[in-house]
PDB file of all heavy atoms in Angstrom:
ATOM      1  N   THR A   1     -10.086  21.338 -40.278  1.00  0.00           N
ATOM      2  CA  THR A   1     -10.875  22.551 -40.099  1.00  0.00           C
ATOM      3  C   THR A   1     -11.059  22.829 -38.619  1.00  0.00           C
ATOM      4  O   THR A   1     -10.847  21.967 -37.778  1.00  0.00           O
ATOM      5  CB  THR A   1     -12.261  22.411 -40.752  1.00  0.00           C
ATOM      6  OG1 THR A   1     -12.985  21.411 -40.049  1.00  0.00           O
ATOM      7  CG2 THR A   1     -12.156  22.037 -42.220  1.00  0.00           C
ATOM      8  N   SER A   2     -11.479  24.041 -38.314  1.00  0.00           N
ATOM      9  CA  SER A   2     -11.665  24.394 -36.911  1.00  0.00           C
ATOM     10  C   SER A   2     -12.757  23.546 -36.267  1.00  0.00           C
ATOM     11  O   SER A   2     -12.676  23.212 -35.097  1.00  0.00           O
ATOM     12  CB  SER A   2     -11.965  25.877 -36.770  1.00  0.00           C
ATOM     13  OG  SER A   2     -13.144  26.202 -37.455  1.00  0.00           O
ATOM     14  N   SER A   3     -13.807  23.182 -37.030  1.00  0.00           N
ATOM     15  CA  SER A   3     -14.857  22.336 -36.448  1.00  0.00           C
ATOM     16  C   SER A   3     -14.318  20.936 -36.155  1.00  0.00           C
ATOM     17  O   SER A   3     -14.694  20.330 -35.160  1.00  0.00           O
ATOM     18  CB  SER A   3     -16.072  22.263 -37.361  1.00  0.00           C
ATOM     19  OG  SER A   3     -15.760  21.642 -38.576  1.00  0.00           O
ATOM     20  N   GLU A   4     -13.440  20.435 -36.996  1.00  0.00           N
ATOM     21  CA  GLU A   4     -12.821  19.134 -36.730  1.00  0.00           C
ATOM     22  C   GLU A   4     -11.920  19.220 -35.506  1.00  0.00           C
ATOM     23  O   GLU A   4     -11.901  18.310 -34.683  1.00  0.00           O
ATOM     24  CB  GLU A   4     -12.010  18.660 -37.934  1.00  0.00           C
ATOM     25  CG  GLU A   4     -12.855  18.232 -39.110  1.00  0.00           C
ATOM     26  CD  GLU A   4     -12.014  17.850 -40.315  1.00  0.00           C
ATOM     27  OE1 GLU A   4     -10.827  17.514 -40.137  1.00  0.00           O
ATOM     28  OE2 GLU A   4     -12.542  17.895 -41.424  1.00  0.00           O
ATOM     29  N   ARG A   5     -11.194  20.333 -35.377  1.00  0.00           N
ATOM     30  CA  ARG A   5     -10.339  20.518 -34.208  1.00  0.00           C
ATOM     31  C   ARG A   5     -11.176  20.597 -32.937  1.00  0.00           C
ATOM     32  O   ARG A   5     -10.844  19.976 -31.942  1.00  0.00           O
ATOM     33  CB  ARG A   5      -9.476  21.772 -34.355  1.00  0.00           C
ATOM     34  CG  ARG A   5      -8.170  21.512 -35.059  1.00  0.00           C
ATOM     35  CD  ARG A   5      -7.214  22.660 -34.870  1.00  0.00           C
ATOM     36  NE  ARG A   5      -7.690  23.868 -35.510  1.00  0.00           N
ATOM     37  CZ  ARG A   5      -7.440  24.212 -36.760  1.00  0.00           C
ATOM     38  NH1 ARG A   5      -6.715  23.433 -37.519  1.00  0.00           N
ATOM     39  NH2 ARG A   5      -7.906  25.336 -37.254  1.00  0.00           N
ATOM     40  N   SER A   6     -12.266  21.350 -32.980  1.00  0.00           N
ATOM     41  CA  SER A   6     -13.085  21.477 -31.775  1.00  0.00           C
ATOM     42  C   SER A   6     -13.731  20.139 -31.422  1.00  0.00           C
ATOM     43  O   SER A   6     -13.846  19.807 -30.241  1.00  0.00           O
ATOM     44  CB  SER A   6     -14.138  22.568 -31.928  1.00  0.00           C
ATOM     45  OG  SER A   6     -15.064  22.254 -32.926  1.00  0.00           O
ATOM     46  N   ARG A   7     -14.135  19.360 -32.420  1.00  0.00           N
ATOM     47  CA  ARG A   7     -14.695  18.034 -32.145  1.00  0.00           C
ATOM     48  C   ARG A   7     -13.641  17.156 -31.487  1.00  0.00           C
ATOM     49  O   ARG A   7     -13.919  16.477 -30.506  1.00  0.00           O
ATOM     50  CB  ARG A   7     -15.206  17.389 -33.426  1.00  0.00           C
ATOM     51  CG  ARG A   7     -15.826  16.011 -33.178  1.00  0.00           C
ATOM     52  CD  ARG A   7     -16.315  15.362 -34.426  1.00  0.00           C
ATOM     53  NE  ARG A   7     -15.192  15.041 -35.276  1.00  0.00           N
ATOM     54  CZ  ARG A   7     -15.229  15.041 -36.608  1.00  0.00           C
ATOM     55  NH1 ARG A   7     -16.332  15.354 -37.236  1.00  0.00           N
ATOM     56  NH2 ARG A   7     -14.170  14.730 -37.302  1.00  0.00           N
ATOM     57  N   ARG A   8     -12.435  17.180 -32.017  1.00  0.00           N
ATOM     58  CA  ARG A   8     -11.355  16.381 -31.445  1.00  0.00           C
ATOM     59  C   ARG A   8     -11.057  16.812 -30.013  1.00  0.00           C
ATOM     60  O   ARG A   8     -10.848  15.976 -29.138  1.00  0.00           O
ATOM     61  CB  ARG A   8     -10.097  16.487 -32.299  1.00  0.00           C
ATOM     62  CG  ARG A   8      -8.964  15.633 -31.773  1.00  0.00           C
ATOM     63  CD  ARG A   8      -7.753  15.687 -32.658  1.00  0.00           C
ATOM     64  NE  ARG A   8      -6.664  14.950 -32.076  1.00  0.00           N
ATOM     65  CZ  ARG A   8      -6.483  13.657 -32.171  1.00  0.00           C
ATOM     66  NH1 ARG A   8      -7.334  12.924 -32.840  1.00  0.00           N
ATOM     67  NH2 ARG A   8      -5.455  13.067 -31.603  1.00  0.00           N
ATOM     68  N   GLU A   9     -11.061  18.113 -29.767  1.00  0.00           N
ATOM     69  CA  GLU A   9     -10.815  18.607 -28.416  1.00  0.00           C
ATOM     70  C   GLU A   9     -11.902  18.141 -27.449  1.00  0.00           C
ATOM     71  O   GLU A   9     -11.611  17.791 -26.313  1.00  0.00           O
ATOM     72  CB  GLU A   9     -10.708  20.132 -28.417  1.00  0.00           C
ATOM     73  CG  GLU A   9      -9.444  20.620 -29.083  1.00  0.00           C
ATOM     74  CD  GLU A   9      -9.445  22.121 -29.348  1.00  0.00           C
ATOM     75  OE1 GLU A   9     -10.462  22.795 -29.055  1.00  0.00           O
ATOM     76  OE2 GLU A   9      -8.432  22.612 -29.855  1.00  0.00           O
ATOM     77  N   LEU A  10     -13.161  18.142 -27.897  1.00  0.00           N
ATOM     78  CA  LEU A  10     -14.256  17.660 -27.065  1.00  0.00           C
ATOM     79  C   LEU A  10     -14.090  16.173 -26.757  1.00  0.00           C
ATOM     80  O   LEU A  10     -14.324  15.740 -25.623  1.00  0.00           O
ATOM     81  CB  LEU A  10     -15.599  17.903 -27.750  1.00  0.00           C
ATOM     82  CG  LEU A  10     -16.066  19.350 -27.840  1.00  0.00           C
ATOM     83  CD1 LEU A  10     -17.287  19.453 -28.752  1.00  0.00           C
ATOM     84  CD2 LEU A  10     -16.367  19.898 -26.461  1.00  0.00           C
ATOM     85  N   ILE A  11     -13.695  15.406 -27.754  1.00  0.00           N
ATOM     86  CA  ILE A  11     -13.485  13.971 -27.560  1.00  0.00           C
ATOM     87  C   ILE A  11     -12.330  13.752 -26.587  1.00  0.00           C
ATOM     88  O   ILE A  11     -12.430  12.924 -25.665  1.00  0.00           O
ATOM     89  CB  ILE A  11     -13.232  13.254 -28.900  1.00  0.00           C
ATOM     90  CG1 ILE A  11     -14.499  13.315 -29.766  1.00  0.00           C
ATOM     91  CG2 ILE A  11     -12.787  11.806 -28.672  1.00  0.00           C
ATOM     92  CD1 ILE A  11     -14.287  12.890 -31.210  1.00  0.00           C
ATOM     93  N   GLU A  12     -11.237  14.484 -26.767  1.00  0.00           N
ATOM     94  CA  GLU A  12     -10.093  14.360 -25.859  1.00  0.00           C
ATOM     95  C   GLU A  12     -10.502  14.672 -24.422  1.00  0.00           C
ATOM     96  O   GLU A  12     -10.143  13.943 -23.490  1.00  0.00           O
ATOM     97  CB  GLU A  12      -8.963  15.297 -26.281  1.00  0.00           C
ATOM     98  CG  GLU A  12      -8.251  14.874 -27.531  1.00  0.00           C
ATOM     99  CD  GLU A  12      -7.234  15.900 -28.004  1.00  0.00           C
ATOM    100  OE1 GLU A  12      -7.138  17.003 -27.413  1.00  0.00           O
ATOM    101  OE2 GLU A  12      -6.528  15.610 -28.973  1.00  0.00           O
ATOM    102  N   GLN A  13     -11.249  15.761 -24.246  1.00  0.00           N
ATOM    103  CA  GLN A  13     -11.683  16.155 -22.902  1.00  0.00           C
ATOM    104  C   GLN A  13     -12.585  15.096 -22.279  1.00  0.00           C
ATOM    105  O   GLN A  13     -12.413  14.713 -21.127  1.00  0.00           O
ATOM    106  CB  GLN A  13     -12.411  17.504 -22.944  1.00  0.00           C
ATOM    107  CG  GLN A  13     -12.936  17.964 -21.611  1.00  0.00           C
ATOM    108  CD  GLN A  13     -11.844  18.198 -20.577  1.00  0.00           C
ATOM    109  OE1 GLN A  13     -10.763  18.687 -20.919  1.00  0.00           O
ATOM    110  NE2 GLN A  13     -12.105  17.853 -19.336  1.00  0.00           N
ATOM    111  N   ARG A  14     -13.537  14.588 -23.055  1.00  0.00           N
ATOM    112  CA  ARG A  14     -14.461  13.573 -22.524  1.00  0.00           C
ATOM    113  C   ARG A  14     -13.726  12.274 -22.219  1.00  0.00           C
ATOM    114  O   ARG A  14     -13.996  11.633 -21.192  1.00  0.00           O
ATOM    115  CB  ARG A  14     -15.612  13.334 -23.508  1.00  0.00           C
ATOM    116  CG  ARG A  14     -16.630  12.356 -23.011  1.00  0.00           C
ATOM    117  CD  ARG A  14     -17.285  12.832 -21.721  1.00  0.00           C
ATOM    118  NE  ARG A  14     -18.193  11.810 -21.222  1.00  0.00           N
ATOM    119  CZ  ARG A  14     -18.341  11.503 -19.944  1.00  0.00           C
ATOM    120  NH1 ARG A  14     -17.708  12.173 -19.004  1.00  0.00           N
ATOM    121  NH2 ARG A  14     -19.169  10.541 -19.587  1.00  0.00           N
ATOM    122  N   ALA A  15     -12.793  11.866 -23.072  1.00  0.00           N
ATOM    123  CA  ALA A  15     -12.015  10.653 -22.822  1.00  0.00           C
ATOM    124  C   ALA A  15     -11.202  10.801 -21.534  1.00  0.00           C
ATOM    125  O   ALA A  15     -11.109   9.860 -20.735  1.00  0.00           O
ATOM    126  CB  ALA A  15     -11.101  10.353 -24.010  1.00  0.00           C
ATOM    127  N   TYR A  16     -10.659  11.993 -21.321  1.00  0.00           N
ATOM    128  CA  TYR A  16      -9.925  12.254 -20.076  1.00  0.00           C
ATOM    129  C   TYR A  16     -10.854  12.137 -18.869  1.00  0.00           C
ATOM    130  O   TYR A  16     -10.493  11.542 -17.848  1.00  0.00           O
ATOM    131  CB  TYR A  16      -9.277  13.639 -20.120  1.00  0.00           C
ATOM    132  CG  TYR A  16      -8.607  14.007 -18.825  1.00  0.00           C
ATOM    133  CD1 TYR A  16      -7.323  13.544 -18.538  1.00  0.00           C
ATOM    134  CD2 TYR A  16      -9.255  14.789 -17.875  1.00  0.00           C
ATOM    135  CE1 TYR A  16      -6.710  13.856 -17.340  1.00  0.00           C
ATOM    136  CE2 TYR A  16      -8.654  15.108 -16.673  1.00  0.00           C
ATOM    137  CZ  TYR A  16      -7.376  14.643 -16.406  1.00  0.00           C
ATOM    138  OH  TYR A  16      -6.779  14.944 -15.220  1.00  0.00           O
ATOM    139  N   GLU A  17     -12.058  12.704 -18.983  1.00  0.00           N
ATOM    140  CA  GLU A  17     -13.030  12.625 -17.892  1.00  0.00           C
ATOM    141  C   GLU A  17     -13.395  11.176 -17.587  1.00  0.00           C
ATOM    142  O   GLU A  17     -13.512  10.789 -16.418  1.00  0.00           O
ATOM    143  CB  GLU A  17     -14.289  13.417 -18.250  1.00  0.00           C
ATOM    144  CG  GLU A  17     -14.073  14.908 -18.311  1.00  0.00           C
ATOM    145  CD  GLU A  17     -15.239  15.666 -18.924  1.00  0.00           C
ATOM    146  OE1 GLU A  17     -16.231  15.024 -19.360  1.00  0.00           O
ATOM    147  OE2 GLU A  17     -15.173  16.907 -18.965  1.00  0.00           O
ATOM    148  N   LEU A  18     -13.583  10.368 -18.628  1.00  0.00           N
ATOM    149  CA  LEU A  18     -13.906   8.950 -18.433  1.00  0.00           C
ATOM    150  C   LEU A  18     -12.755   8.223 -17.750  1.00  0.00           C
ATOM    151  O   LEU A  18     -12.966   7.392 -16.863  1.00  0.00           O
ATOM    152  CB  LEU A  18     -14.235   8.290 -19.779  1.00  0.00           C
ATOM    153  CG  LEU A  18     -15.525   8.772 -20.446  1.00  0.00           C
ATOM    154  CD1 LEU A  18     -15.582   8.285 -21.887  1.00  0.00           C
ATOM    155  CD2 LEU A  18     -16.743   8.314 -19.662  1.00  0.00           C
ATOM    156  N   TRP A  19     -11.525   8.539 -18.178  1.00  0.00           N
ATOM    157  CA  TRP A  19     -10.335   7.936 -17.577  1.00  0.00           C
ATOM    158  C   TRP A  19     -10.236   8.303 -16.101  1.00  0.00           C
ATOM    159  O   TRP A  19     -10.015   7.443 -15.246  1.00  0.00           O
ATOM    160  CB  TRP A  19      -9.096   8.399 -18.347  1.00  0.00           C
ATOM    161  CG  TRP A  19      -7.795   8.001 -17.731  1.00  0.00           C
ATOM    162  CD1 TRP A  19      -7.258   6.743 -17.679  1.00  0.00           C
ATOM    163  CD2 TRP A  19      -6.859   8.860 -17.083  1.00  0.00           C
ATOM    164  NE1 TRP A  19      -6.043   6.779 -17.042  1.00  0.00           N
ATOM    165  CE2 TRP A  19      -5.775   8.062 -16.666  1.00  0.00           C
ATOM    166  CE3 TRP A  19      -6.818  10.228 -16.825  1.00  0.00           C
ATOM    167  CZ2 TRP A  19      -4.670   8.582 -16.002  1.00  0.00           C
ATOM    168  CZ3 TRP A  19      -5.715  10.744 -16.170  1.00  0.00           C
ATOM    169  CH2 TRP A  19      -4.660   9.925 -15.763  1.00  0.00           C
ATOM    170  N   ALA A  20     -10.456   9.575 -15.790  1.00  0.00           N
ATOM    171  CA  ALA A  20     -10.384  10.033 -14.399  1.00  0.00           C
ATOM    172  C   ALA A  20     -11.486   9.375 -13.559  1.00  0.00           C
ATOM    173  O   ALA A  20     -11.238   8.963 -12.424  1.00  0.00           O
ATOM    174  CB  ALA A  20     -10.489  11.557 -14.342  1.00  0.00           C
ATOM    175  N   ALA A  21     -12.682   9.273 -14.127  1.00  0.00           N
ATOM    176  CA  ALA A  21     -13.803   8.652 -13.414  1.00  0.00           C
ATOM    177  C   ALA A  21     -13.551   7.172 -13.148  1.00  0.00           C
ATOM    178  O   ALA A  21     -14.077   6.608 -12.187  1.00  0.00           O
ATOM    179  CB  ALA A  21     -15.094   8.840 -14.197  1.00  0.00           C
ATOM    180  N   ALA A  22     -12.735   6.554 -13.996  1.00  0.00           N
ATOM    181  CA  ALA A  22     -12.408   5.135 -13.825  1.00  0.00           C
ATOM    182  C   ALA A  22     -11.216   4.941 -12.889  1.00  0.00           C
ATOM    183  O   ALA A  22     -10.658   3.850 -12.810  1.00  0.00           O
ATOM    184  CB  ALA A  22     -12.120   4.502 -15.189  1.00  0.00           C
ATOM    185  N   GLY A  23     -10.816   6.001 -12.202  1.00  0.00           N
ATOM    186  CA  GLY A  23      -9.727   5.887 -11.240  1.00  0.00           C
ATOM    187  C   GLY A  23      -8.347   6.029 -11.843  1.00  0.00           C
ATOM    188  O   GLY A  23      -7.369   5.590 -11.251  1.00  0.00           O
ATOM    189  N   CYS A  24      -8.264   6.615 -13.023  1.00  0.00           N
ATOM    190  CA  CYS A  24      -6.985   6.856 -13.710  1.00  0.00           C
ATOM    191  C   CYS A  24      -6.234   5.556 -14.003  1.00  0.00           C
ATOM    192  O   CYS A  24      -5.013   5.542 -14.086  1.00  0.00           O
ATOM    193  CB  CYS A  24      -6.104   7.823 -12.927  1.00  0.00           C
ATOM    194  SG  CYS A  24      -6.877   9.422 -12.623  1.00  0.00           S
ATOM    195  N   ALA A  25      -6.978   4.482 -14.154  1.00  0.00           N
ATOM    196  CA  ALA A  25      -6.373   3.184 -14.450  1.00  0.00           C
ATOM    197  C   ALA A  25      -5.932   3.143 -15.910  1.00  0.00           C
ATOM    198  O   ALA A  25      -6.631   3.627 -16.790  1.00  0.00           O
ATOM    199  CB  ALA A  25      -7.369   2.068 -14.176  1.00  0.00           C
ATOM    200  N   HIS A  26      -4.777   2.583 -16.133  1.00  0.00           N
ATOM    201  CA  HIS A  26      -4.247   2.480 -17.488  1.00  0.00           C
ATOM    202  C   HIS A  26      -4.739   1.203 -18.165  1.00  0.00           C
ATOM    203  O   HIS A  26      -5.117   0.249 -17.510  1.00  0.00           O
ATOM    204  CB  HIS A  26      -2.719   2.511 -17.454  1.00  0.00           C
ATOM    205  CG  HIS A  26      -2.188   3.815 -16.972  1.00  0.00           C
ATOM    206  ND1 HIS A  26      -2.135   4.931 -17.763  1.00  0.00           N
ATOM    207  CD2 HIS A  26      -1.727   4.188 -15.761  1.00  0.00           C
ATOM    208  CE1 HIS A  26      -1.651   5.941 -17.064  1.00  0.00           C
ATOM    209  NE2 HIS A  26      -1.394   5.515 -15.848  1.00  0.00           N
ATOM    210  N   GLY A  27      -4.756   1.231 -19.500  1.00  0.00           N
ATOM    211  CA  GLY A  27      -5.112   0.044 -20.256  1.00  0.00           C
ATOM    212  C   GLY A  27      -6.464   0.112 -20.941  1.00  0.00           C
ATOM    213  O   GLY A  27      -6.798  -0.781 -21.708  1.00  0.00           O
ATOM    214  N   ASN A  28      -7.245   1.148 -20.662  1.00  0.00           N
ATOM    215  CA  ASN A  28      -8.561   1.262 -21.282  1.00  0.00           C
ATOM    216  C   ASN A  28      -8.686   2.519 -22.136  1.00  0.00           C
ATOM    217  O   ASN A  28      -9.787   3.008 -22.364  1.00  0.00           O
ATOM    218  CB  ASN A  28      -9.655   1.269 -20.206  1.00  0.00           C
ATOM    219  CG  ASN A  28      -9.718  -0.037 -19.461  1.00  0.00           C
ATOM    220  OD1 ASN A  28      -9.641  -1.100 -20.059  1.00  0.00           O
ATOM    221  ND2 ASN A  28      -9.838   0.031 -18.156  1.00  0.00           N
ATOM    222  N   ASP A  29      -7.563   3.043 -22.587  1.00  0.00           N
ATOM    223  CA  ASP A  29      -7.585   4.298 -23.328  1.00  0.00           C
ATOM    224  C   ASP A  29      -8.412   4.215 -24.602  1.00  0.00           C
ATOM    225  O   ASP A  29      -9.172   5.145 -24.911  1.00  0.00           O
ATOM    226  CB  ASP A  29      -6.168   4.783 -23.637  1.00  0.00           C
ATOM    227  CG  ASP A  29      -5.311   3.716 -24.307  1.00  0.00           C
ATOM    228  OD1 ASP A  29      -5.486   2.518 -24.016  1.00  0.00           O
ATOM    229  OD2 ASP A  29      -4.446   4.091 -25.117  1.00  0.00           O
ATOM    230  N   ILE A  30      -8.333   3.111 -25.305  1.00  0.00           N
ATOM    231  CA  ILE A  30      -9.103   2.962 -26.548  1.00  0.00           C
ATOM    232  C   ILE A  30     -10.593   2.924 -26.239  1.00  0.00           C
ATOM    233  O   ILE A  30     -11.388   3.569 -26.932  1.00  0.00           O
ATOM    234  CB  ILE A  30      -8.680   1.689 -27.309  1.00  0.00           C
ATOM    235  CG1 ILE A  30      -7.200   1.755 -27.680  1.00  0.00           C
ATOM    236  CG2 ILE A  30      -9.551   1.461 -28.526  1.00  0.00           C
ATOM    237  CD1 ILE A  30      -6.844   2.888 -28.623  1.00  0.00           C
TER     238      ILE A  30
END
């Protein structure tokens, strides 16, 4: 559903922000 898609998009965006804040280091994606 669109609400599930928007939730997933929010999670993707926040996970990206966390990754960037951590210096773009690989290995902590999960």
